[in-house]
Amino acid sequence: MKTHQTDFSQGSIYRNIMEVAVPMTVAQLLNLLYNIVDRMYIGRIPEVGTLALTGVGLCFPIITLVSAFTLLFGNGGGPLCAMERGRGNEEEAEYLMGNSFLMLVLTGAVLMVAGLLFYKPVLYLFGASDATFVYAGSYIRIYLLGTLFVMISVGMNPFINSQGFGNIGMFSVLIGAVLNIVLDPLFIFVLKMGVQGAAIATILSQLASVIWVLRFLTGKKAVLRLKADRLKLSGKRVLQIMALGVSGFIMSFTNGLVQVACNATLQIYGGDIYVGVMTVLNSVRDICTLPVNGITSGASPVMSFNYGAKAYHKVKQAIWFVTGLCVSYTLLIWGVLKLFPEFFIRIFNDSPELVEKGVPALHIYFFGFCFMALQFTGQNVFVALGKSGKAVFFSLLRKAFIVVPLTLLLPKVAGLSVDGVFWAEPISNLIGGCACFITMLCTVLPELKRREQEGL
């Protein structure tokens, strides 16, 4: 395929962002299809679809934990590589990429072994019942065998995008997503393997993506290559990578923590049907936040490169451009969700009971959805510019300090019951999103202005 590289040092900042953001958004859409397609097919397994969907939903916190580690080393190393490229230091950028790769492999091996040893008590802790564990256990056992494939394919993609190869990054996900869509119905329905078939389809698809990613990063077309002599662990570099990636890790990890708290609380107040509703809402949220993720992720390497190259005026332009796009989009999608809630729920399951309980839950859960854009934008700027402390704080604030306590407390307030669980999300978006974005404006913009004036 044709290889196009975006030169972050030339041309319009808006065009540079969109050249990376558009293929990255498509890539993330396709990556989301791994889980979404699984849920769509699983929810339609004859006779047991709703129960099977609930069971697989209980696996999300474990899957989210794996994703958290891909963010720790992938999204931590990617911006650092872009900054070093901006400074003209490609050798150091390759060492950073090599260290990230090694940590992804080592961590993936540990997570796989630990997961296979302890998945049963963990799933029951997360809200499984005897009825749903049958499906949850069947799915997660196989999924965990492919942990290394997930870690490498997802974790190394930011190093392709940080070099300006947005179309290659997109294609690395496209391969796996298309294969997953083809294999899912084959294994689930034709071979009658049910949820186990969905898990097998997913790990085989991720393996195909791994082969593509490694082939590119070790080939001649890459600017930064994965070389044997760069695969030397350095404590200093690993700490740099983790310091910047820890905010994304915490954000993903606390997402898993929220899922655990929600599932466990809903099991108490509403039973398996409401755990199923939350599974659907999480799926809808993943779909709706995808363009925001794509835009902010696409802007990240562009901002990092120009920050390293001391083009601070371009960084400021990027911040306002991304903010405008994300807020406009989330306002639009909030309106669409308000008007057509049943459509989004029926994508995954058309059980009358699930739809009946899911529609009012969806209206609550997505209330004030536009404030989530402020969290994503502010968080992304902190990470892109290497401000790990602030990024970590606001990751923890929204999820660990606001959502989890509210999830546990609100059901006991004024008879809210299950509605209290769903109200925790919009409240956290308002408080956490505004706090993160306002802090970013008050700290980052003055710093950029000062650096520009002083020529730092």
Protein backbone atom coordinates (compact mmCIF):
# COMPACT_ATOMS: atom_id res chain seq x y z
CA MET A 1 0.00 0.00 0.00
CA LYS A 2 1.06 3.64 -0.51
CA THR A 3 2.96 5.03 2.47
CA HIS A 4 2.21 8.67 3.28
CA GLN A 5 4.14 10.49 5.99
CA THR A 6 2.87 13.74 7.50
CA ASP A 7 5.66 16.27 8.12
CA PHE A 8 4.70 17.90 11.43
CA SER A 9 7.16 20.76 10.86
CA GLN A 10 5.54 21.96 7.63
CA GLY A 11 2.15 23.30 6.56
CA SER A 12 -1.01 24.09 8.47
CA ILE A 13 -1.29 22.74 12.02
CA TYR A 14 -4.97 21.99 11.35
CA ARG A 15 -4.17 19.91 8.28
CA ASN A 16 -1.40 18.05 10.12
CA ILE A 17 -3.77 17.15 12.95
CA MET A 18 -6.50 15.96 10.60
CA GLU A 19 -4.06 13.92 8.49
CA VAL A 20 -3.23 11.92 11.60
CA ALA A 21 -6.59 12.19 13.38
CA VAL A 22 -8.81 10.95 10.53
CA PRO A 23 -6.98 7.64 9.93
CA MET A 24 -6.51 7.29 13.70
CA THR A 25 -10.24 7.75 14.26
CA VAL A 26 -10.95 5.15 11.60
CA ALA A 27 -8.35 2.89 13.23
CA GLN A 28 -9.94 3.31 16.65
CA LEU A 29 -13.37 2.66 15.15
CA LEU A 30 -12.05 -0.55 13.70
CA ASN A 31 -10.29 -1.44 16.95
CA LEU A 32 -13.55 -0.90 18.79
CA LEU A 33 -15.14 -3.37 16.40
CA TYR A 34 -13.17 -6.16 18.08
CA ASN A 35 -15.36 -5.82 21.16
CA ILE A 36 -18.48 -4.32 19.59
CA VAL A 37 -18.86 -7.05 16.96
CA ASP A 38 -18.35 -9.68 19.67
CA ARG A 39 -21.14 -8.12 21.74
CA MET A 40 -23.48 -7.77 18.76
CA TYR A 41 -23.13 -11.44 17.80
CA ILE A 42 -23.08 -12.71 21.38
CA GLY A 43 -26.26 -10.80 22.19
CA ARG A 44 -27.98 -12.72 19.38
CA ILE A 45 -26.98 -16.25 20.33
CA PRO A 46 -30.30 -18.15 20.30
CA GLU A 47 -32.02 -18.54 23.70
CA VAL A 48 -29.05 -17.38 25.84
CA GLY A 49 -28.06 -14.10 24.12
CA THR A 50 -28.93 -11.70 26.96
CA LEU A 51 -27.28 -13.87 29.62
CA ALA A 52 -24.19 -14.45 27.46
CA LEU A 53 -23.89 -10.69 26.77
CA THR A 54 -24.05 -10.00 30.51
CA GLY A 55 -21.38 -12.64 31.15
CA VAL A 56 -18.99 -11.16 28.59
CA GLY A 57 -19.69 -7.70 30.02
CA LEU A 58 -18.28 -8.92 33.33
CA CYS A 59 -14.96 -9.52 31.54
CA PHE A 60 -14.63 -5.84 30.58
CA PRO A 61 -12.69 -4.81 33.71
CA ILE A 62 -10.07 -7.49 32.99
CA ILE A 63 -9.88 -6.46 29.32
CA THR A 64 -9.66 -2.82 30.42
CA LEU A 65 -6.73 -3.67 32.71
CA VAL A 66 -4.84 -5.16 29.77
CA SER A 67 -5.63 -2.00 27.77
CA ALA A 68 -4.35 0.12 30.66
CA PHE A 69 -0.87 -1.40 30.33
CA THR A 70 -0.84 -0.83 26.57
CA LEU A 71 -1.50 2.85 27.34
CA LEU A 72 1.18 2.91 30.05
CA PHE A 73 3.96 1.96 27.65
CA GLY A 74 2.47 2.81 24.24
CA ASN A 75 0.94 6.22 24.96
CA GLY A 76 3.81 6.97 27.35
CA GLY A 77 6.53 6.26 24.79
CA GLY A 78 4.77 7.66 21.70
CA PRO A 79 4.78 11.37 22.71
CA LEU A 80 8.38 11.08 23.97
CA CYS A 81 9.40 9.69 20.56
CA ALA A 82 7.64 12.57 18.81
CA MET A 83 9.40 15.12 21.06
CA GLU A 84 12.81 13.58 20.35
CA ARG A 85 12.07 13.61 16.62
CA GLY A 86 11.17 17.30 16.97
CA ARG A 87 14.58 17.85 18.57
CA GLY A 88 16.28 15.88 15.79
CA ASN A 89 17.38 13.05 18.12
CA GLU A 90 16.16 9.95 16.29
CA GLU A 91 18.59 7.57 18.02
CA GLU A 92 17.09 8.34 21.44
CA ALA A 93 13.60 8.01 19.95
CA GLU A 94 14.48 4.45 18.82
CA TYR A 95 15.79 3.56 22.27
CA LEU A 96 12.52 4.79 23.78
CA MET A 97 10.53 2.69 21.33
CA GLY A 98 12.67 -0.38 22.08
CA ASN A 99 12.17 0.02 25.82
CA SER A 100 8.42 0.39 25.36
CA PHE A 101 8.31 -2.78 23.27
CA LEU A 102 10.20 -4.83 25.85
CA MET A 103 7.95 -3.62 28.68
CA LEU A 104 4.83 -4.45 26.66
CA VAL A 105 6.08 -8.00 26.12
CA LEU A 106 7.16 -8.56 29.74
CA THR A 107 3.98 -7.07 31.19
CA GLY A 108 1.80 -9.00 28.75
CA ALA A 109 3.37 -12.31 29.83
CA VAL A 110 2.81 -11.52 33.53
CA LEU A 111 -0.82 -10.45 32.96
CA MET A 112 -1.59 -13.60 30.98
CA VAL A 113 -0.26 -15.95 33.68
CA ALA A 114 -1.86 -14.01 36.55
CA GLY A 115 -5.19 -13.79 34.71
CA LEU A 116 -5.35 -17.51 33.98
CA LEU A 117 -4.59 -18.32 37.62
CA PHE A 118 -7.11 -15.98 39.25
CA TYR A 119 -9.90 -15.25 36.74
CA LYS A 120 -12.57 -17.25 38.58
CA PRO A 121 -12.52 -15.46 41.97
CA VAL A 122 -11.97 -12.15 40.16
CA LEU A 123 -15.10 -12.58 38.02
CA TYR A 124 -17.23 -13.41 41.05
CA LEU A 125 -15.77 -10.36 42.79
CA PHE A 126 -16.78 -8.28 39.76
CA GLY A 127 -20.45 -9.27 40.11
CA ALA A 128 -20.76 -12.63 38.34
CA SER A 129 -23.56 -14.99 39.32
CA ASP A 130 -23.46 -18.75 38.79
CA ALA A 131 -25.57 -18.26 35.66
CA THR A 132 -23.33 -15.60 34.07
CA PHE A 133 -19.98 -17.10 35.13
CA VAL A 134 -20.46 -19.93 32.63
CA TYR A 135 -20.16 -17.43 29.78
CA ALA A 136 -17.71 -15.02 31.41
CA GLY A 137 -15.24 -17.78 32.27
CA SER A 138 -15.47 -19.37 28.81
CA TYR A 139 -14.69 -16.04 27.13
CA ILE A 140 -11.92 -14.70 29.36
CA ARG A 141 -9.90 -17.96 29.48
CA ILE A 142 -9.33 -17.82 25.74
CA TYR A 143 -8.99 -14.02 25.55
CA LEU A 144 -6.16 -14.09 28.10
CA LEU A 145 -4.15 -16.49 25.91
CA GLY A 146 -3.92 -13.68 23.36
CA THR A 147 -2.75 -11.02 25.85
CA LEU A 148 0.63 -10.59 24.16
CA PHE A 149 -1.03 -10.03 20.79
CA VAL A 150 -3.24 -7.29 22.24
CA MET A 151 -0.34 -5.63 24.08
CA ILE A 152 1.94 -5.46 21.05
CA SER A 153 -0.59 -4.58 18.34
CA VAL A 154 -2.28 -1.80 20.34
CA GLY A 155 0.76 -0.68 22.35
CA MET A 156 3.10 -0.24 19.36
CA ASN A 157 0.64 1.59 17.11
CA PRO A 158 1.38 5.00 18.73
CA PHE A 159 4.99 4.65 17.51
CA ILE A 160 3.75 4.36 13.94
CA ASN A 161 1.51 7.41 14.34
CA SER A 162 4.24 9.43 16.09
CA GLN A 163 6.28 9.16 12.88
CA GLY A 164 3.43 10.62 10.81
CA PHE A 165 2.30 7.33 9.20
CA GLY A 166 -1.38 7.65 10.06
CA ASN A 167 -2.53 5.46 7.16
CA ILE A 168 -0.18 2.63 8.19
CA GLY A 169 -1.45 2.86 11.77
CA MET A 170 -5.00 2.66 10.46
CA PHE A 171 -4.23 -0.34 8.27
CA SER A 172 -2.63 -2.24 11.17
CA VAL A 173 -6.01 -2.16 12.91
CA LEU A 174 -8.04 -2.63 9.71
CA ILE A 175 -6.46 -6.05 9.12
CA GLY A 176 -7.52 -7.37 12.51
CA ALA A 177 -10.95 -5.74 12.50
CA VAL A 178 -11.98 -7.13 9.11
CA LEU A 179 -10.69 -10.57 10.04
CA ASN A 180 -12.62 -10.42 13.32
CA ILE A 181 -15.86 -9.50 11.55
CA VAL A 182 -15.42 -12.48 9.21
CA LEU A 183 -14.37 -15.00 11.86
CA ASP A 184 -16.94 -14.07 14.54
CA PRO A 185 -20.06 -15.52 12.83
CA LEU A 186 -18.01 -18.49 11.58
CA PHE A 187 -16.86 -19.53 15.07
CA ILE A 188 -19.98 -18.44 17.01
CA PHE A 189 -22.77 -19.71 14.77
CA VAL A 190 -21.40 -22.00 12.03
CA LEU A 191 -19.04 -23.95 14.31
CA LYS A 192 -21.46 -23.42 17.25
CA MET A 193 -18.68 -22.37 19.65
CA GLY A 194 -20.65 -19.52 21.27
CA VAL A 195 -18.69 -17.07 23.40
CA GLN A 196 -15.56 -19.23 23.08
CA GLY A 197 -15.72 -18.73 19.34
CA ALA A 198 -15.92 -14.95 19.80
CA ALA A 199 -12.78 -15.02 21.95
CA ILE A 200 -10.88 -17.19 19.44
CA ALA A 201 -11.84 -14.85 16.59
CA THR A 202 -10.57 -11.88 18.59
CA ILE A 203 -7.13 -13.29 19.43
CA LEU A 204 -6.54 -14.57 15.89
CA SER A 205 -7.41 -11.12 14.56
CA GLN A 206 -5.02 -9.46 17.00
CA LEU A 207 -2.26 -11.85 15.90
CA ALA A 208 -2.71 -10.67 12.31
CA SER A 209 -2.36 -7.05 13.48
CA VAL A 210 0.82 -7.89 15.43
CA ILE A 211 2.45 -9.37 12.33
CA TRP A 212 1.65 -6.22 10.32
CA VAL A 213 2.88 -3.80 13.03
CA LEU A 214 6.18 -5.62 13.57
CA ARG A 215 6.75 -6.00 9.85
CA PHE A 216 6.43 -2.25 9.35
CA LEU A 217 8.47 -1.18 12.40
CA THR A 218 11.35 -3.47 11.41
CA GLY A 219 11.14 -2.58 7.70
CA LYS A 220 12.79 0.06 5.53
CA LYS A 221 9.80 2.43 5.24
CA ALA A 222 9.78 3.33 8.95
CA VAL A 223 11.76 6.40 10.07
CA LEU A 224 12.24 4.93 13.55
CA ARG A 225 12.92 1.18 13.47
CA LEU A 226 12.64 -1.56 16.05
CA LYS A 227 16.26 -2.77 16.07
CA ALA A 228 17.90 -5.51 18.15
CA ASP A 229 20.60 -3.15 19.45
CA ARG A 230 17.92 -0.74 20.70
CA LEU A 231 16.22 -3.45 22.79
CA LYS A 232 18.16 -2.71 25.96
CA LEU A 233 16.19 -1.88 29.07
CA SER A 234 17.18 1.38 30.70
CA GLY A 235 15.71 2.25 34.08
CA LYS A 236 15.80 5.96 33.27
CA ARG A 237 13.95 5.54 29.98
CA VAL A 238 11.37 3.15 31.43
CA LEU A 239 10.64 5.62 34.21
CA GLN A 240 10.27 8.44 31.66
CA ILE A 241 7.85 6.35 29.63
CA MET A 242 5.84 5.28 32.67
CA ALA A 243 5.74 8.80 34.11
CA LEU A 244 4.05 10.08 30.96
CA GLY A 245 1.94 6.99 30.31
CA VAL A 246 0.67 6.60 33.86
CA SER A 247 -2.16 9.09 33.35
CA GLY A 248 -3.59 7.01 30.50
CA PHE A 249 -2.99 3.88 32.56
CA ILE A 250 -4.87 5.33 35.53
CA MET A 251 -7.68 6.56 33.31
CA SER A 252 -8.12 3.08 31.83
CA PHE A 253 -7.52 1.27 35.13
CA THR A 254 -10.05 3.43 36.94
CA ASN A 255 -12.50 2.78 34.08
CA GLY A 256 -12.16 -0.87 35.02
CA LEU A 257 -12.61 0.02 38.68
CA VAL A 258 -15.78 1.93 37.81
CA GLN A 259 -17.09 -1.05 35.84
CA VAL A 260 -16.48 -3.31 38.83
CA ALA A 261 -18.25 -0.89 41.20
CA CYS A 262 -21.17 -0.46 38.78
CA ASN A 263 -21.63 -4.17 38.11
CA ALA A 264 -21.40 -5.12 41.78
CA THR A 265 -23.82 -2.36 42.85
CA LEU A 266 -26.27 -3.08 40.04
CA GLN A 267 -26.21 -6.78 40.91
CA ILE A 268 -27.35 -5.85 44.42
CA TYR A 269 -30.06 -3.35 43.43
CA GLY A 270 -31.22 -4.70 40.05
CA GLY A 271 -29.78 -8.16 39.32
CA ASP A 272 -28.37 -9.59 36.07
CA ILE A 273 -30.66 -7.53 33.80
CA TYR A 274 -29.15 -4.24 34.97
CA VAL A 275 -25.61 -5.60 34.63
CA GLY A 276 -26.66 -6.29 31.04
CA VAL A 277 -27.95 -2.71 30.69
CA MET A 278 -24.59 -1.36 31.89
CA THR A 279 -22.80 -3.61 29.39
CA VAL A 280 -24.85 -2.01 26.61
CA LEU A 281 -24.30 1.54 27.94
CA ASN A 282 -20.55 0.97 28.09
CA SER A 283 -20.67 -0.23 24.49
CA VAL A 284 -22.66 2.83 23.38
CA ARG A 285 -20.24 5.10 25.26
CA ASP A 286 -17.28 3.44 23.50
CA ILE A 287 -18.90 4.16 20.13
CA CYS A 288 -19.80 7.76 20.97
CA THR A 289 -16.44 8.75 22.48
CA LEU A 290 -14.48 7.26 19.61
CA PRO A 291 -14.24 10.43 17.44
CA VAL A 292 -13.11 12.41 20.51
CA ASN A 293 -10.43 9.81 21.17
CA GLY A 294 -9.38 9.92 17.53
CA ILE A 295 -9.14 13.72 17.38
CA THR A 296 -7.22 14.07 20.66
CA SER A 297 -4.94 11.13 19.87
CA GLY A 298 -4.28 12.53 16.40
CA ALA A 299 -3.39 15.92 17.84
CA SER A 300 -1.02 14.45 20.44
CA PRO A 301 2.01 13.63 18.24
CA VAL A 302 1.58 16.92 16.36
CA MET A 303 1.60 18.92 19.62
CA SER A 304 4.49 16.87 21.03
CA PHE A 305 6.61 17.38 17.90
CA ASN A 306 6.00 21.14 17.76
CA TYR A 307 6.58 21.50 21.50
CA GLY A 308 9.94 19.77 21.06
CA ALA A 309 10.67 21.97 18.03
CA LYS A 310 9.77 25.13 20.06
CA ALA A 311 6.92 26.05 17.68
CA TYR A 312 4.72 27.12 20.61
CA HIS A 313 2.26 29.14 18.53
CA LYS A 314 1.34 25.95 16.67
CA VAL A 315 0.75 24.15 19.97
CA LYS A 316 -1.73 26.88 21.02
CA GLN A 317 -3.52 26.68 17.68
CA ALA A 318 -3.80 22.91 18.08
CA ILE A 319 -5.32 23.23 21.57
CA TRP A 320 -8.14 25.53 20.44
CA PHE A 321 -8.76 23.58 17.26
CA VAL A 322 -9.13 20.27 19.13
CA THR A 323 -11.32 21.84 21.81
CA GLY A 324 -13.73 23.28 19.24
CA LEU A 325 -14.03 20.01 17.34
CA CYS A 326 -14.55 17.84 20.43
CA VAL A 327 -17.12 20.06 22.14
CA SER A 328 -19.11 20.50 18.91
CA TYR A 329 -19.18 16.78 18.26
CA THR A 330 -20.23 15.79 21.81
CA LEU A 331 -23.07 18.32 21.77
CA LEU A 332 -24.29 16.82 18.50
CA ILE A 333 -24.10 13.19 19.64
CA TRP A 334 -25.83 14.04 22.94
CA GLY A 335 -28.77 15.30 20.89
CA VAL A 336 -28.78 12.16 18.73
CA LEU A 337 -28.77 9.92 21.81
CA LYS A 338 -31.63 11.91 23.29
CA LEU A 339 -33.74 11.49 20.16
CA PHE A 340 -32.94 7.87 19.25
CA PRO A 341 -32.03 5.94 22.42
CA GLU A 342 -33.68 2.67 21.37
CA PHE A 343 -31.64 2.49 18.16
CA PHE A 344 -28.35 2.40 20.08
CA ILE A 345 -29.58 -0.20 22.56
CA ARG A 346 -31.01 -2.50 19.88
CA ILE A 347 -27.61 -2.62 18.15
CA PHE A 348 -26.60 -5.10 20.85
CA ASN A 349 -29.81 -6.76 22.02
CA ASP A 350 -33.50 -6.31 21.25
CA SER A 351 -34.86 -7.97 24.37
CA PRO A 352 -38.02 -5.99 25.33
CA GLU A 353 -37.05 -5.99 29.02
CA LEU A 354 -33.51 -4.78 28.34
CA VAL A 355 -34.76 -2.01 26.02
CA GLU A 356 -37.41 -0.94 28.53
CA LYS A 357 -34.91 -0.59 31.36
CA GLY A 358 -32.09 0.63 29.12
CA VAL A 359 -33.75 3.73 27.62
CA PRO A 360 -34.21 5.72 30.87
CA ALA A 361 -30.76 4.56 32.04
CA LEU A 362 -29.22 5.84 28.79
CA HIS A 363 -30.87 9.28 29.18
CA ILE A 364 -29.36 9.62 32.66
CA TYR A 365 -25.93 8.21 31.82
CA PHE A 366 -25.33 10.53 28.85
CA PHE A 367 -26.78 13.70 30.38
CA GLY A 368 -24.32 16.60 29.84
CA PHE A 369 -22.15 14.41 27.62
CA CYS A 370 -20.34 17.47 26.21
CA PHE A 371 -18.43 17.95 29.47
CA MET A 372 -16.59 14.70 28.81
CA ALA A 373 -14.91 16.43 25.85
CA LEU A 374 -13.29 18.91 28.23
CA GLN A 375 -11.74 16.06 30.21
CA PHE A 376 -10.37 14.38 27.08
CA THR A 377 -8.98 17.62 25.67
CA GLY A 378 -7.31 18.83 28.86
CA GLN A 379 -5.91 15.38 29.62
CA ASN A 380 -4.50 15.01 26.11
CA VAL A 381 -2.71 18.37 26.25
CA PHE A 382 -1.05 17.47 29.55
CA VAL A 383 0.17 14.14 28.15
CA ALA A 384 1.31 15.57 24.78
CA LEU A 385 3.44 18.22 26.51
CA GLY A 386 4.93 15.82 29.05
CA LYS A 387 3.11 17.19 32.10
CA SER A 388 2.63 13.84 33.77
CA GLY A 389 1.79 15.11 37.28
CA LYS A 390 -1.30 17.04 36.22
CA ALA A 391 -2.35 14.28 33.83
CA VAL A 392 -2.21 11.71 36.64
CA PHE A 393 -4.10 13.92 39.09
CA PHE A 394 -7.05 14.56 36.79
CA SER A 395 -7.18 10.89 35.74
CA LEU A 396 -7.63 9.96 39.39
CA LEU A 397 -9.96 12.84 40.23
CA ARG A 398 -12.74 12.01 37.80
CA LYS A 399 -12.93 8.25 38.15
CA ALA A 400 -11.42 7.20 41.49
CA PHE A 401 -12.46 10.19 43.61
CA ILE A 402 -15.81 11.08 42.02
CA VAL A 403 -17.38 8.20 40.06
CA VAL A 404 -16.60 5.26 42.35
CA PRO A 405 -17.77 6.91 45.60
CA LEU A 406 -20.91 8.24 43.89
CA THR A 407 -21.64 4.82 42.40
CA LEU A 408 -21.60 3.28 45.86
CA LEU A 409 -23.43 6.13 47.67
CA LEU A 410 -26.09 7.51 45.31
CA PRO A 411 -28.24 4.34 45.16
CA LYS A 412 -28.86 4.83 48.91
CA VAL A 413 -29.91 8.49 48.50
CA ALA A 414 -33.59 9.46 48.15
CA GLY A 415 -34.56 6.04 46.85
CA LEU A 416 -32.51 6.43 43.64
CA SER A 417 -31.55 2.73 43.65
CA VAL A 418 -30.16 1.73 40.20
CA ASP A 419 -30.63 5.28 38.84
CA GLY A 420 -28.00 6.44 41.33
CA VAL A 421 -25.41 4.27 39.60
CA PHE A 422 -26.18 5.89 36.24
CA TRP A 423 -26.15 9.46 37.64
CA ALA A 424 -22.54 9.06 38.84
CA GLU A 425 -21.21 9.36 35.27
CA PRO A 426 -22.70 12.75 34.24
CA ILE A 427 -21.85 14.30 37.63
CA SER A 428 -18.22 13.21 37.23
CA ASN A 429 -18.10 14.56 33.67
CA LEU A 430 -19.24 18.00 34.86
CA ILE A 431 -16.93 18.31 37.86
CA GLY A 432 -13.90 16.44 36.52
CA GLY A 433 -14.12 17.76 32.97
CA CYS A 434 -14.39 21.42 33.96
CA ALA A 435 -11.63 21.13 36.58
CA CYS A 436 -9.22 19.50 34.13
CA PHE A 437 -9.87 21.88 31.23
CA ILE A 438 -9.79 25.08 33.30
CA THR A 439 -6.54 24.01 34.96
CA MET A 440 -5.02 23.30 31.55
CA LEU A 441 -5.99 26.77 30.29
CA CYS A 442 -4.60 28.47 33.41
CA THR A 443 -1.26 26.63 33.38
CA VAL A 444 -0.36 25.57 29.85
CA LEU A 445 -1.30 28.69 27.87
CA PRO A 446 0.69 31.11 30.11
CA GLU A 447 3.69 28.77 29.94
CA LEU A 448 3.57 28.62 26.15
CA LYS A 449 3.32 32.41 25.98
CA ARG A 450 6.31 32.80 28.32
CA ARG A 451 8.44 30.29 26.38
CA GLU A 452 7.57 32.04 23.11
CA GLN A 453 8.58 35.44 24.50
CA GLU A 454 11.81 34.15 26.04
CA GLY A 455 12.73 31.96 23.07
CA LEU A 456 13.16 28.87 25.26
